[in-house]
Amino acid sequence: MRKPKKTKYKSVTIGNKKYYFYKITWIDPCGDTGHADYHTALSMLPATMVTHGYLLDKNNKYIWTFGTYDKEGLFSDRNVFPKGCVKKMEKILL
């Protein structure tokens, strides 16, 4: 009997560590410094944003990502998200 094929996710290996590529959907607080009446002020809502990047690390408070790297372990295009702002994380398939 044949084993089911393993699912392959997009990733890079830097040093001896594998980093997976994610689509992260998160909520971004919005602001405005102009004058507004009560109903206009209440109509302002946070923006739902999407970021694509490699997962660098995460803990119970934060999620760190990067988009650019070299094979020596330097990371660029970095973000850190408060975990409470992240709505969904999806690992991307090859």
PDB file of N, CA and C in Angstrom:
ATOM      1  N   MET A   1       0.841  -1.174   0.000  1.00  0.00           N
ATOM      2  CA  MET A   1       0.000   0.000   0.000  1.00  0.00           C
ATOM      3  C   MET A   1       0.894   1.248   0.000  1.00  0.00           C
ATOM      4  N   ARG A   2       0.548   2.195  -0.794  1.00  0.00           N
ATOM      5  CA  ARG A   2       1.342   3.408  -0.957  1.00  0.00           C
ATOM      6  C   ARG A   2       0.995   4.437   0.119  1.00  0.00           C
ATOM      7  N   LYS A   3       2.054   5.071   0.673  1.00  0.00           N
ATOM      8  CA  LYS A   3       1.832   6.121   1.668  1.00  0.00           C
ATOM      9  C   LYS A   3       1.298   7.361   0.979  1.00  0.00           C
ATOM     10  N   PRO A   4       0.404   8.108   1.658  1.00  0.00           N
ATOM     11  CA  PRO A   4      -0.053   9.366   1.063  1.00  0.00           C
ATOM     12  C   PRO A   4       1.114  10.338   0.946  1.00  0.00           C
ATOM     13  N   LYS A   5       1.110  11.086  -0.138  1.00  0.00           N
ATOM     14  CA  LYS A   5       2.188  12.040  -0.382  1.00  0.00           C
ATOM     15  C   LYS A   5       2.144  13.146   0.670  1.00  0.00           C
ATOM     16  N   LYS A   6       3.326  13.495   1.214  1.00  0.00           N
ATOM     17  CA  LYS A   6       3.400  14.566   2.202  1.00  0.00           C
ATOM     18  C   LYS A   6       3.127  15.897   1.536  1.00  0.00           C
ATOM     19  N   THR A   7       2.439  16.772   2.238  1.00  0.00           N
ATOM     20  CA  THR A   7       2.190  18.112   1.744  1.00  0.00           C
ATOM     21  C   THR A   7       3.481  18.912   1.843  1.00  0.00           C
ATOM     22  N   LYS A   8       3.814  19.645   0.767  1.00  0.00           N
ATOM     23  CA  LYS A   8       5.036  20.447   0.765  1.00  0.00           C
ATOM     24  C   LYS A   8       4.670  21.921   0.856  1.00  0.00           C
ATOM     25  N   TYR A   9       5.302  22.582   1.800  1.00  0.00           N
ATOM     26  CA  TYR A   9       5.079  24.006   2.000  1.00  0.00           C
ATOM     27  C   TYR A   9       6.286  24.789   1.524  1.00  0.00           C
ATOM     28  N   LYS A  10       6.032  26.014   1.065  1.00  0.00           N
ATOM     29  CA  LYS A  10       7.113  26.886   0.626  1.00  0.00           C
ATOM     30  C   LYS A  10       7.971  27.240   1.839  1.00  0.00           C
ATOM     31  N   SER A  11       9.290  27.071   1.693  1.00  0.00           N
ATOM     32  CA  SER A  11      10.196  27.359   2.805  1.00  0.00           C
ATOM     33  C   SER A  11      11.596  27.646   2.272  1.00  0.00           C
ATOM     34  N   VAL A  12      12.441  28.184   3.153  1.00  0.00           N
ATOM     35  CA  VAL A  12      13.868  28.348   2.873  1.00  0.00           C
ATOM     36  C   VAL A  12      14.624  27.777   4.063  1.00  0.00           C
ATOM     37  N   THR A  13      15.828  27.301   3.809  1.00  0.00           N
ATOM     38  CA  THR A  13      16.692  26.827   4.877  1.00  0.00           C
ATOM     39  C   THR A  13      17.880  27.772   4.980  1.00  0.00           C
ATOM     40  N   ILE A  14      18.062  28.334   6.161  1.00  0.00           N
ATOM     41  CA  ILE A  14      19.172  29.242   6.438  1.00  0.00           C
ATOM     42  C   ILE A  14      19.934  28.645   7.607  1.00  0.00           C
ATOM     43  N   GLY A  15      21.204  28.387   7.387  1.00  0.00           N
ATOM     44  CA  GLY A  15      21.944  27.641   8.401  1.00  0.00           C
ATOM     45  C   GLY A  15      21.357  26.243   8.456  1.00  0.00           C
ATOM     46  N   ASN A  16      20.972  25.816   9.609  1.00  0.00           N
ATOM     47  CA  ASN A  16      20.336  24.508   9.762  1.00  0.00           C
ATOM     48  C   ASN A  16      18.859  24.614  10.093  1.00  0.00           C
ATOM     49  N   LYS A  17      18.272  25.808   9.914  1.00  0.00           N
ATOM     50  CA  LYS A  17      16.878  26.009  10.297  1.00  0.00           C
ATOM     51  C   LYS A  17      16.006  26.261   9.077  1.00  0.00           C
ATOM     52  N   LYS A  18      14.824  25.670   9.080  1.00  0.00           N
ATOM     53  CA  LYS A  18      13.859  25.841   8.002  1.00  0.00           C
ATOM     54  C   LYS A  18      12.844  26.907   8.409  1.00  0.00           C
ATOM     55  N   TYR A  19      12.568  27.857   7.498  1.00  0.00           N
ATOM     56  CA  TYR A  19      11.599  28.924   7.729  1.00  0.00           C
ATOM     57  C   TYR A  19      10.478  28.786   6.697  1.00  0.00           C
ATOM     58  N   TYR A  20       9.227  28.746   7.171  1.00  0.00           N
ATOM     59  CA  TYR A  20       8.081  28.563   6.294  1.00  0.00           C
ATOM     60  C   TYR A  20       7.460  29.891   5.899  1.00  0.00           C
ATOM     61  N   PHE A  21       6.872  29.917   4.702  1.00  0.00           N
ATOM     62  CA  PHE A  21       6.250  31.108   4.142  1.00  0.00           C
ATOM     63  C   PHE A  21       4.769  31.126   4.520  1.00  0.00           C
ATOM     64  N   TYR A  22       4.286  32.283   4.995  1.00  0.00           N
ATOM     65  CA  TYR A  22       2.911  32.417   5.478  1.00  0.00           C
ATOM     66  C   TYR A  22       2.188  33.591   4.829  1.00  0.00           C
ATOM     67  N   LYS A  23       0.888  33.476   4.782  1.00  0.00           N
ATOM     68  CA  LYS A  23      -0.010  34.599   4.509  1.00  0.00           C
ATOM     69  C   LYS A  23      -0.633  34.936   5.858  1.00  0.00           C
ATOM     70  N   ILE A  24      -0.381  36.164   6.332  1.00  0.00           N
ATOM     71  CA  ILE A  24      -0.859  36.584   7.648  1.00  0.00           C
ATOM     72  C   ILE A  24      -1.908  37.671   7.462  1.00  0.00           C
ATOM     73  N   THR A  25      -3.098  37.436   7.974  1.00  0.00           N
ATOM     74  CA  THR A  25      -4.181  38.417   7.944  1.00  0.00           C
ATOM     75  C   THR A  25      -4.258  39.042   9.326  1.00  0.00           C
ATOM     76  N   TRP A  26      -4.202  40.392   9.359  1.00  0.00           N
ATOM     77  CA  TRP A  26      -4.141  41.079  10.645  1.00  0.00           C
ATOM     78  C   TRP A  26      -4.936  42.365  10.603  1.00  0.00           C
ATOM     79  N   ILE A  27      -5.246  42.880  11.795  1.00  0.00           N
ATOM     80  CA  ILE A  27      -6.031  44.095  11.948  1.00  0.00           C
ATOM     81  C   ILE A  27      -5.086  45.241  12.294  1.00  0.00           C
ATOM     82  N   ASP A  28      -5.198  46.342  11.516  1.00  0.00           N
ATOM     83  CA  ASP A  28      -4.350  47.513  11.711  1.00  0.00           C
ATOM     84  C   ASP A  28      -5.202  48.662  12.260  1.00  0.00           C
ATOM     85  N   PRO A  29      -4.883  49.183  13.438  1.00  0.00           N
ATOM     86  CA  PRO A  29      -5.626  50.334  13.965  1.00  0.00           C
ATOM     87  C   PRO A  29      -5.498  51.525  13.012  1.00  0.00           C
ATOM     88  N   CYS A  30      -6.551  52.270  12.854  1.00  0.00           N
ATOM     89  CA  CYS A  30      -6.548  53.451  11.992  1.00  0.00           C
ATOM     90  C   CYS A  30      -6.808  54.690  12.837  1.00  0.00           C
ATOM     91  N   GLY A  31      -6.373  55.823  12.345  1.00  0.00           N
ATOM     92  CA  GLY A  31      -6.574  57.068  13.078  1.00  0.00           C
ATOM     93  C   GLY A  31      -6.838  58.220  12.130  1.00  0.00           C
ATOM     94  N   ASP A  32      -7.325  59.328  12.697  1.00  0.00           N
ATOM     95  CA  ASP A  32      -7.615  60.530  11.927  1.00  0.00           C
ATOM     96  C   ASP A  32      -7.497  61.716  12.878  1.00  0.00           C
ATOM     97  N   THR A  33      -6.855  62.790  12.435  1.00  0.00           N
ATOM     98  CA  THR A  33      -6.689  63.955  13.298  1.00  0.00           C
ATOM     99  C   THR A  33      -7.657  65.080  12.959  1.00  0.00           C
ATOM    100  N   GLY A  34      -8.535  64.823  11.986  1.00  0.00           N
ATOM    101  CA  GLY A  34      -9.501  65.863  11.591  1.00  0.00           C
ATOM    102  C   GLY A  34     -10.709  65.906  12.511  1.00  0.00           C
ATOM    103  N   HIS A  35     -11.537  66.928  12.306  1.00  0.00           N
ATOM    104  CA  HIS A  35     -12.778  67.076  13.066  1.00  0.00           C
ATOM    105  C   HIS A  35     -13.852  66.167  12.480  1.00  0.00           C
ATOM    106  N   ALA A  36     -14.712  65.618  13.339  1.00  0.00           N
ATOM    107  CA  ALA A  36     -15.790  64.743  12.885  1.00  0.00           C
ATOM    108  C   ALA A  36     -16.913  64.769  13.895  1.00  0.00           C
ATOM    109  N   ASP A  37     -18.138  64.591  13.384  1.00  0.00           N
ATOM    110  CA  ASP A  37     -19.274  64.477  14.305  1.00  0.00           C
ATOM    111  C   ASP A  37     -19.322  63.048  14.854  1.00  0.00           C
ATOM    112  N   TYR A  38     -20.230  62.803  15.760  1.00  0.00           N
ATOM    113  CA  TYR A  38     -20.330  61.526  16.472  1.00  0.00           C
ATOM    114  C   TYR A  38     -20.465  60.352  15.508  1.00  0.00           C
ATOM    115  N   HIS A  39     -21.384  60.428  14.541  1.00  0.00           N
ATOM    116  CA  HIS A  39     -21.645  59.307  13.632  1.00  0.00           C
ATOM    117  C   HIS A  39     -20.466  59.062  12.683  1.00  0.00           C
ATOM    118  N   THR A  40     -19.822  60.119  12.236  1.00  0.00           N
ATOM    119  CA  THR A  40     -18.651  59.966  11.376  1.00  0.00           C
ATOM    120  C   THR A  40     -17.501  59.330  12.161  1.00  0.00           C
ATOM    121  N   ALA A  41     -17.325  59.758  13.397  1.00  0.00           N
ATOM    122  CA  ALA A  41     -16.259  59.193  14.233  1.00  0.00           C
ATOM    123  C   ALA A  41     -16.464  57.702  14.461  1.00  0.00           C
ATOM    124  N   LEU A  42     -17.708  57.287  14.691  1.00  0.00           N
ATOM    125  CA  LEU A  42     -17.982  55.866  14.924  1.00  0.00           C
ATOM    126  C   LEU A  42     -17.932  55.026  13.659  1.00  0.00           C
ATOM    127  N   SER A  43     -17.948  55.660  12.482  1.00  0.00           N
ATOM    128  CA  SER A  43     -17.911  54.893  11.237  1.00  0.00           C
ATOM    129  C   SER A  43     -16.480  54.457  10.875  1.00  0.00           C
ATOM    130  N   MET A  44     -15.487  55.019  11.547  1.00  0.00           N
ATOM    131  CA  MET A  44     -14.098  54.638  11.275  1.00  0.00           C
ATOM    132  C   MET A  44     -13.811  53.271  11.913  1.00  0.00           C
ATOM    133  N   LEU A  45     -13.248  52.371  11.107  1.00  0.00           N
ATOM    134  CA  LEU A  45     -12.947  51.013  11.565  1.00  0.00           C
ATOM    135  C   LEU A  45     -11.491  50.668  11.259  1.00  0.00           C
ATOM    136  N   PRO A  46     -10.928  49.720  11.985  1.00  0.00           N
ATOM    137  CA  PRO A  46      -9.573  49.265  11.662  1.00  0.00           C
ATOM    138  C   PRO A  46      -9.532  48.642  10.262  1.00  0.00           C
ATOM    139  N   ALA A  47      -8.358  48.661   9.644  1.00  0.00           N
ATOM    140  CA  ALA A  47      -8.175  48.052   8.329  1.00  0.00           C
ATOM    141  C   ALA A  47      -7.750  46.593   8.487  1.00  0.00           C
ATOM    142  N   THR A  48      -8.265  45.724   7.634  1.00  0.00           N
ATOM    143  CA  THR A  48      -7.822  44.332   7.592  1.00  0.00           C
ATOM    144  C   THR A  48      -6.721  44.248   6.544  1.00  0.00           C
ATOM    145  N   MET A  49      -5.519  43.866   6.981  1.00  0.00           N
ATOM    146  CA  MET A  49      -4.337  43.861   6.130  1.00  0.00           C
ATOM    147  C   MET A  49      -3.855  42.428   5.916  1.00  0.00           C
ATOM    148  N   VAL A  50      -3.100  42.225   4.837  1.00  0.00           N
ATOM    149  CA  VAL A  50      -2.511  40.917   4.532  1.00  0.00           C
ATOM    150  C   VAL A  50      -1.024  41.117   4.288  1.00  0.00           C
ATOM    151  N   THR A  51      -0.209  40.315   4.959  1.00  0.00           N
ATOM    152  CA  THR A  51       1.238  40.321   4.777  1.00  0.00           C
ATOM    153  C   THR A  51       1.688  38.924   4.397  1.00  0.00           C
ATOM    154  N   HIS A  52       2.564  38.836   3.402  1.00  0.00           N
ATOM    155  CA  HIS A  52       3.191  37.568   3.022  1.00  0.00           C
ATOM    156  C   HIS A  52       4.647  37.616   3.469  1.00  0.00           C
ATOM    157  N   GLY A  53       5.102  36.579   4.166  1.00  0.00           N
ATOM    158  CA  GLY A  53       6.485  36.562   4.608  1.00  0.00           C
ATOM    159  C   GLY A  53       6.849  35.250   5.270  1.00  0.00           C
ATOM    160  N   TYR A  54       8.133  35.103   5.510  1.00  0.00           N
ATOM    161  CA  TYR A  54       8.640  33.923   6.196  1.00  0.00           C
ATOM    162  C   TYR A  54       8.525  34.132   7.702  1.00  0.00           C
ATOM    163  N   LEU A  55       8.098  33.101   8.401  1.00  0.00           N
ATOM    164  CA  LEU A  55       7.966  33.155   9.855  1.00  0.00           C
ATOM    165  C   LEU A  55       9.349  33.002  10.484  1.00  0.00           C
ATOM    166  N   LEU A  56       9.825  34.060  11.142  1.00  0.00           N
ATOM    167  CA  LEU A  56      11.121  34.034  11.810  1.00  0.00           C
ATOM    168  C   LEU A  56      11.001  33.369  13.181  1.00  0.00           C
ATOM    169  N   ASP A  57       9.971  33.790  13.938  1.00  0.00           N
ATOM    170  CA  ASP A  57       9.759  33.238  15.280  1.00  0.00           C
ATOM    171  C   ASP A  57       8.398  33.700  15.778  1.00  0.00           C
ATOM    172  N   LYS A  58       7.936  33.090  16.851  1.00  0.00           N
ATOM    173  CA  LYS A  58       6.713  33.542  17.518  1.00  0.00           C
ATOM    174  C   LYS A  58       6.750  33.083  18.962  1.00  0.00           C
ATOM    175  N   ASN A  59       6.056  33.836  19.819  1.00  0.00           N
ATOM    176  CA  ASN A  59       5.875  33.430  21.211  1.00  0.00           C
ATOM    177  C   ASN A  59       4.432  33.746  21.587  1.00  0.00           C
ATOM    178  N   ASN A  60       4.106  33.780  22.857  1.00  0.00           N
ATOM    179  CA  ASN A  60       2.708  34.000  23.236  1.00  0.00           C
ATOM    180  C   ASN A  60       2.279  35.454  23.082  1.00  0.00           C
ATOM    181  N   LYS A  61       3.198  36.386  22.773  1.00  0.00           N
ATOM    182  CA  LYS A  61       2.849  37.799  22.597  1.00  0.00           C
ATOM    183  C   LYS A  61       3.045  38.321  21.178  1.00  0.00           C
ATOM    184  N   TYR A  62       4.086  37.830  20.461  1.00  0.00           N
ATOM    185  CA  TYR A  62       4.475  38.423  19.186  1.00  0.00           C
ATOM    186  C   TYR A  62       4.743  37.378  18.107  1.00  0.00           C
ATOM    187  N   ILE A  63       4.658  37.847  16.844  1.00  0.00           N
ATOM    188  CA  ILE A  63       5.009  37.043  15.675  1.00  0.00           C
ATOM    189  C   ILE A  63       5.990  37.874  14.851  1.00  0.00           C
ATOM    190  N   TRP A  64       7.167  37.309  14.550  1.00  0.00           N
ATOM    191  CA  TRP A  64       8.186  37.999  13.772  1.00  0.00           C
ATOM    192  C   TRP A  64       8.268  37.386  12.383  1.00  0.00           C
ATOM    193  N   THR A  65       8.359  38.228  11.346  1.00  0.00           N
ATOM    194  CA  THR A  65       8.487  37.756   9.976  1.00  0.00           C
ATOM    195  C   THR A  65       9.641  38.472   9.277  1.00  0.00           C
ATOM    196  N   PHE A  66      10.058  37.910   8.143  1.00  0.00           N
ATOM    197  CA  PHE A  66      11.033  38.562   7.266  1.00  0.00           C
ATOM    198  C   PHE A  66      10.684  38.226   5.825  1.00  0.00           C
ATOM    199  N   GLY A  67      11.146  39.063   4.905  1.00  0.00           N
ATOM    200  CA  GLY A  67      10.872  38.844   3.494  1.00  0.00           C
ATOM    201  C   GLY A  67      12.126  38.646   2.663  1.00  0.00           C
ATOM    202  N   THR A  68      13.259  39.161   3.139  1.00  0.00           N
ATOM    203  CA  THR A  68      14.523  39.091   2.411  1.00  0.00           C
ATOM    204  C   THR A  68      15.594  38.542   3.348  1.00  0.00           C
ATOM    205  N   TYR A  69      16.528  37.782   2.799  1.00  0.00           N
ATOM    206  CA  TYR A  69      17.535  37.132   3.630  1.00  0.00           C
ATOM    207  C   TYR A  69      18.775  36.820   2.803  1.00  0.00           C
ATOM    208  N   ASP A  70      19.863  36.518   3.477  1.00  0.00           N
ATOM    209  CA  ASP A  70      21.009  35.913   2.809  1.00  0.00           C
ATOM    210  C   ASP A  70      21.310  34.594   3.510  1.00  0.00           C
ATOM    211  N   LYS A  71      22.127  33.784   2.890  1.00  0.00           N
ATOM    212  CA  LYS A  71      22.399  32.442   3.427  1.00  0.00           C
ATOM    213  C   LYS A  71      23.268  32.461   4.676  1.00  0.00           C
ATOM    214  N   GLU A  72      23.799  33.628   5.045  1.00  0.00           N
ATOM    215  CA  GLU A  72      24.626  33.751   6.247  1.00  0.00           C
ATOM    216  C   GLU A  72      23.784  34.055   7.490  1.00  0.00           C
ATOM    217  N   GLY A  73      22.479  34.300   7.323  1.00  0.00           N
ATOM    218  CA  GLY A  73      21.611  34.540   8.473  1.00  0.00           C
ATOM    219  C   GLY A  73      21.270  35.993   8.721  1.00  0.00           C
ATOM    220  N   LEU A  74      21.375  36.847   7.695  1.00  0.00           N
ATOM    221  CA  LEU A  74      20.910  38.235   7.820  1.00  0.00           C
ATOM    222  C   LEU A  74      19.491  38.327   7.285  1.00  0.00           C
ATOM    223  N   PHE A  75      18.614  39.035   8.024  1.00  0.00           N
ATOM    224  CA  PHE A  75      17.200  39.142   7.667  1.00  0.00           C
ATOM    225  C   PHE A  75      16.848  40.605   7.418  1.00  0.00           C
ATOM    226  N   SER A  76      16.071  40.864   6.357  1.00  0.00           N
ATOM    227  CA  SER A  76      15.593  42.208   6.039  1.00  0.00           C
ATOM    228  C   SER A  76      14.089  42.157   5.809  1.00  0.00           C
ATOM    229  N   ASP A  77      13.498  43.333   5.570  1.00  0.00           N
ATOM    230  CA  ASP A  77      12.038  43.447   5.367  1.00  0.00           C
ATOM    231  C   ASP A  77      11.306  42.755   6.513  1.00  0.00           C
ATOM    232  N   ARG A  78      11.657  43.155   7.730  1.00  0.00           N
ATOM    233  CA  ARG A  78      11.170  42.494   8.942  1.00  0.00           C
ATOM    234  C   ARG A  78       9.937  43.190   9.503  1.00  0.00           C
ATOM    235  N   ASN A  79       9.078  42.396  10.121  1.00  0.00           N
ATOM    236  CA  ASN A  79       7.892  42.899  10.826  1.00  0.00           C
ATOM    237  C   ASN A  79       7.760  42.157  12.147  1.00  0.00           C
ATOM    238  N   VAL A  80       7.131  42.828  13.110  1.00  0.00           N
ATOM    239  CA  VAL A  80       6.716  42.153  14.338  1.00  0.00           C
ATOM    240  C   VAL A  80       5.259  42.532  14.568  1.00  0.00           C
ATOM    241  N   PHE A  81       4.424  41.527  14.787  1.00  0.00           N
ATOM    242  CA  PHE A  81       2.989  41.718  14.984  1.00  0.00           C
ATOM    243  C   PHE A  81       2.614  41.349  16.410  1.00  0.00           C
ATOM    244  N   PRO A  82       1.859  42.185  17.109  1.00  0.00           N
ATOM    245  CA  PRO A  82       1.268  41.725  18.371  1.00  0.00           C
ATOM    246  C   PRO A  82       0.295  40.587  18.041  1.00  0.00           C
ATOM    247  N   LYS A  83       0.377  39.507  18.756  1.00  0.00           N
ATOM    248  CA  LYS A  83      -0.447  38.339  18.450  1.00  0.00           C
ATOM    249  C   LYS A  83      -1.943  38.654  18.473  1.00  0.00           C
ATOM    250  N   GLY A  84      -2.352  39.604  19.303  1.00  0.00           N
ATOM    251  CA  GLY A  84      -3.762  39.964  19.389  1.00  0.00           C
ATOM    252  C   GLY A  84      -4.302  40.626  18.133  1.00  0.00           C
ATOM    253  N   CYS A  85      -3.425  41.162  17.283  1.00  0.00           N
ATOM    254  CA  CYS A  85      -3.848  41.793  16.021  1.00  0.00           C
ATOM    255  C   CYS A  85      -3.964  40.789  14.888  1.00  0.00           C
ATOM    256  N   VAL A  86      -3.375  39.606  15.036  1.00  0.00           N
ATOM    257  CA  VAL A  86      -3.361  38.609  13.964  1.00  0.00           C
ATOM    258  C   VAL A  86      -4.654  37.801  14.005  1.00  0.00           C
ATOM    259  N   LYS A  87      -5.354  37.803  12.878  1.00  0.00           N
ATOM    260  CA  LYS A  87      -6.617  37.056  12.775  1.00  0.00           C
ATOM    261  C   LYS A  87      -6.423  35.647  12.233  1.00  0.00           C
ATOM    262  N   LYS A  88      -5.457  35.501  11.281  1.00  0.00           N
ATOM    263  CA  LYS A  88      -5.278  34.188  10.662  1.00  0.00           C
ATOM    264  C   LYS A  88      -3.863  34.077  10.103  1.00  0.00           C
ATOM    265  N   MET A  89      -3.283  32.889  10.223  1.00  0.00           N
ATOM    266  CA  MET A  89      -1.983  32.581   9.619  1.00  0.00           C
ATOM    267  C   MET A  89      -2.153  31.319   8.779  1.00  0.00           C
ATOM    268  N   GLU A  90      -1.799  31.433   7.495  1.00  0.00           N
ATOM    269  CA  GLU A  90      -1.930  30.294   6.581  1.00  0.00           C
ATOM    270  C   GLU A  90      -0.572  29.966   5.992  1.00  0.00           C
ATOM    271  N   LYS A  91      -0.105  28.739   6.205  1.00  0.00           N
ATOM    272  CA  LYS A  91       1.155  28.284   5.616  1.00  0.00           C
ATOM    273  C   LYS A  91       0.906  28.068   4.117  1.00  0.00           C
ATOM    274  N   ILE A  92       1.809  28.569   3.285  1.00  0.00           N
ATOM    275  CA  ILE A  92       1.627  28.541   1.838  1.00  0.00           C
ATOM    276  C   ILE A  92       2.220  27.263   1.238  1.00  0.00           C
ATOM    277  N   LEU A  93       1.434  26.606   0.396  1.00  0.00           N
ATOM    278  CA  LEU A  93       1.873  25.397  -0.298  1.00  0.00           C
ATOM    279  C   LEU A  93       2.764  25.761  -1.482  1.00  0.00           C
ATOM    280  N   LEU A  94       3.615  24.826  -1.885  1.00  0.00           N
ATOM    281  CA  LEU A  94       4.445  25.016  -3.093  1.00  0.00           C
ATOM    282  C   LEU A  94       3.575  25.040  -4.317  1.00  0.00           C
TER     283      LEU A  94
END
